[in-house]
Amino acid sequence: MYDEAKRYAGGAEHGLHHRQQGVDTAIVRIFNTYGSRMRPHDGRAIPTFLRQALANRPLTVFGDGGQTRSFCYVSDLIRGLVALAESGHHDPVNIGNPDEFTLLELAETIKELTGSSSEIVYRGAAGGHPKTAQARITLARDLLAGLLRSPCARGLQRTMRRLRCEVSDSA
């Protein structure tokens, strides 16, 4: 229901401003953006796993860890937004990374990246979250060729460096 409401609201607003008023608009659908300025306690998977791993605390995976997500590094998102704004394209475009990971794979990657001895623990499923969330970026790839290029591991390293400083400062 949430996704449908977003699609409808974006389309209605877009139509009002673009078609009726002649405003140069575009619709962007953003997928799981992450980066070095994320707050350690914002509740999203990447800063939570990094914070837990850096403190050698258990990494909390909700559900069975099989839920999938695609994560887009913030600089790729920004390049995509600028390119889309300059493209003259007015229909919806997904901007994200097409590489899909399970949350368990993400936890394991972060554990390895940080050199953490943390164990992975499972908690009850987080209600209302989709089983899969992969960015289908065929249109973005055609329109914005070559802009989405940060491998997840490189973005995680950048995010970890900044978060490591914040976590140690708050300890």
Protein backbone atom coordinates (compact mmCIF):
# COMPACT_ATOMS: atom_id res chain seq x y z
CA MET A 1 0.00 0.00 0.00
CA TYR A 2 2.81 2.41 0.90
CA ASP A 3 4.55 1.87 -2.45
CA GLU A 4 1.32 2.41 -4.37
CA ALA A 5 0.57 5.61 -2.45
CA LYS A 6 4.06 6.92 -3.26
CA ARG A 7 3.67 6.09 -6.94
CA TYR A 8 0.27 7.75 -7.14
CA ALA A 9 1.31 10.88 -5.24
CA GLY A 10 4.46 11.31 -7.31
CA GLY A 11 2.59 10.84 -10.56
CA ALA A 12 -0.21 13.22 -9.58
CA GLU A 13 2.17 15.94 -8.43
CA HIS A 14 4.36 15.45 -11.48
CA GLY A 15 1.36 15.74 -13.80
CA LEU A 16 0.13 18.86 -12.09
CA HIS A 17 3.43 20.70 -12.27
CA HIS A 18 4.86 19.36 -15.51
CA ARG A 19 1.88 18.94 -17.79
CA GLN A 20 -0.34 21.75 -16.54
CA GLN A 21 2.21 24.34 -15.45
CA GLY A 22 5.12 23.53 -17.80
CA VAL A 23 7.59 23.08 -14.93
CA ASP A 24 10.63 20.96 -15.81
CA THR A 25 10.18 17.99 -13.47
CA ALA A 26 11.27 14.39 -13.11
CA ILE A 27 10.26 11.58 -10.77
CA VAL A 28 13.08 9.80 -8.97
CA ARG A 29 12.67 6.61 -6.98
CA ILE A 30 15.58 6.25 -4.58
CA PHE A 31 16.72 2.87 -3.23
CA ASN A 32 18.48 2.32 0.12
CA THR A 33 21.09 5.06 -0.04
CA TYR A 34 24.00 4.89 2.39
CA GLY A 35 27.16 6.86 2.98
CA SER A 36 29.73 8.19 5.38
CA ARG A 37 27.48 10.78 7.01
CA MET A 38 24.86 8.34 8.26
CA ARG A 39 24.08 8.58 11.95
CA PRO A 40 25.17 5.48 13.87
CA HIS A 41 21.78 5.07 15.58
CA ASP A 42 19.40 5.88 12.70
CA GLY A 43 17.98 2.35 12.69
CA ARG A 44 18.97 1.32 9.17
CA ALA A 45 20.90 -1.89 8.53
CA ILE A 46 24.27 -0.51 7.40
CA PRO A 47 24.98 1.91 10.26
CA THR A 48 23.51 -0.54 12.78
CA PHE A 49 25.66 -3.45 11.59
CA LEU A 50 28.76 -1.24 11.38
CA ARG A 51 28.22 0.20 14.86
CA GLN A 52 27.64 -3.25 16.35
CA ALA A 53 30.64 -4.78 14.54
CA LEU A 54 33.00 -1.95 15.48
CA ALA A 55 32.05 -2.46 19.13
CA ASN A 56 32.35 -6.28 18.79
CA ARG A 57 28.72 -6.60 19.81
CA PRO A 58 26.34 -9.11 18.23
CA LEU A 59 25.03 -8.10 14.80
CA THR A 60 21.24 -8.16 15.01
CA VAL A 61 19.55 -9.57 11.93
CA PHE A 62 15.76 -9.41 11.91
CA GLY A 63 13.90 -12.41 10.55
CA ASP A 64 15.95 -15.14 8.91
CA GLY A 65 18.31 -12.71 7.15
CA GLY A 66 17.02 -13.79 3.74
CA GLN A 67 15.38 -10.44 2.95
CA THR A 68 17.20 -8.75 0.09
CA ARG A 69 18.11 -5.14 -0.52
CA SER A 70 20.19 -3.21 -3.01
CA PHE A 71 22.30 -0.43 -1.53
CA CYS A 72 23.32 2.72 -3.41
CA TYR A 73 26.30 4.78 -2.28
CA VAL A 74 25.35 8.43 -1.84
CA SER A 75 27.78 9.80 -4.46
CA ASP A 76 26.16 7.55 -7.10
CA LEU A 77 22.75 8.86 -6.09
CA ILE A 78 23.90 12.47 -6.37
CA ARG A 79 25.47 11.89 -9.81
CA GLY A 80 22.22 10.23 -10.89
CA LEU A 81 20.05 13.09 -9.60
CA VAL A 82 22.15 15.73 -11.36
CA ALA A 83 22.24 13.76 -14.61
CA LEU A 84 18.50 13.16 -14.50
CA ALA A 85 17.82 16.85 -13.81
CA GLU A 86 19.92 17.74 -16.86
CA SER A 87 18.47 15.00 -19.10
CA GLY A 88 15.06 16.42 -19.97
CA HIS A 89 13.49 13.05 -19.08
CA HIS A 90 10.18 13.44 -17.22
CA ASP A 91 8.95 9.94 -16.44
CA PRO A 92 9.85 7.95 -13.29
CA VAL A 93 13.44 6.71 -12.98
CA ASN A 94 14.77 4.32 -10.32
CA ILE A 95 18.17 5.36 -9.02
CA GLY A 96 19.97 2.70 -7.05
CA ASN A 97 22.43 -0.13 -7.32
CA PRO A 98 21.18 -3.27 -9.08
CA ASP A 99 23.34 -5.57 -6.92
CA GLU A 100 21.11 -7.32 -4.43
CA PHE A 101 22.28 -8.72 -1.08
CA THR A 102 20.53 -10.61 1.66
CA LEU A 103 20.71 -8.88 5.02
CA LEU A 104 22.66 -11.89 6.29
CA GLU A 105 25.22 -11.41 3.47
CA LEU A 106 25.44 -7.73 4.38
CA ALA A 107 26.04 -8.59 8.06
CA GLU A 108 28.73 -11.11 7.11
CA THR A 109 30.39 -8.62 4.73
CA ILE A 110 30.46 -5.95 7.42
CA LYS A 111 31.79 -8.40 9.99
CA GLU A 112 34.62 -9.33 7.61
CA LEU A 113 35.29 -5.71 6.59
CA THR A 114 35.62 -4.55 10.20
CA GLY A 115 37.56 -7.61 11.36
CA SER A 116 34.94 -8.02 14.06
CA SER A 117 34.55 -11.08 16.26
CA SER A 118 30.83 -10.33 16.61
CA GLU A 119 28.37 -13.14 16.36
CA ILE A 120 25.26 -12.80 14.24
CA VAL A 121 22.01 -13.10 16.19
CA TYR A 122 18.49 -13.36 14.84
CA ARG A 123 15.45 -11.52 16.15
CA GLY A 124 11.80 -11.69 15.14
CA ALA A 125 10.90 -10.33 11.72
CA ALA A 126 10.55 -6.58 11.37
CA GLY A 127 6.90 -6.07 10.46
CA GLY A 128 5.84 -4.37 7.26
CA HIS A 129 9.13 -4.65 5.41
CA PRO A 130 9.25 -6.26 1.95
CA LYS A 131 11.05 -9.56 1.42
CA THR A 132 12.91 -8.10 -1.58
CA ALA A 133 13.83 -4.57 -2.61
CA GLN A 134 16.02 -4.51 -5.68
CA ALA A 135 16.47 -1.42 -7.80
CA ARG A 136 15.47 -2.11 -11.41
CA ILE A 137 17.65 0.49 -13.07
CA THR A 138 17.44 -0.38 -16.77
CA LEU A 139 16.08 3.06 -17.63
CA ALA A 140 18.59 4.83 -15.38
CA ARG A 141 21.41 2.83 -16.95
CA ASP A 142 20.28 3.91 -20.43
CA LEU A 143 19.74 7.56 -19.48
CA LEU A 144 22.58 8.01 -17.03
CA ALA A 145 25.20 5.67 -18.49
CA GLY A 146 28.05 4.78 -16.18
CA LEU A 147 26.95 6.82 -13.18
CA LEU A 148 26.09 4.01 -10.77
CA ARG A 149 29.52 2.57 -10.23
CA SER A 150 30.45 2.28 -6.55
CA PRO A 151 30.74 -1.37 -5.52
CA CYS A 152 29.06 -1.93 -2.17
CA ALA A 153 32.31 -2.96 -0.46
CA ARG A 154 34.05 0.30 -1.39
CA GLY A 155 31.13 2.37 -0.15
CA LEU A 156 31.02 0.33 3.05
CA GLN A 157 34.71 1.03 3.65
CA ARG A 158 34.14 4.79 3.31
CA THR A 159 31.10 4.62 5.58
CA MET A 160 32.97 2.51 8.14
CA ARG A 161 35.91 4.94 8.37
CA ARG A 162 33.61 7.82 9.28
CA LEU A 163 31.42 5.77 11.58
CA ARG A 164 34.48 4.37 13.38
CA CYS A 165 35.43 7.93 14.35
CA GLU A 166 31.89 8.75 15.54
CA VAL A 167 31.58 5.54 17.55
CA SER A 168 34.96 6.02 19.24
CA ASP A 169 34.17 9.70 19.99
CA SER A 170 30.91 8.73 21.72
CA ALA A 171 32.46 5.90 23.76
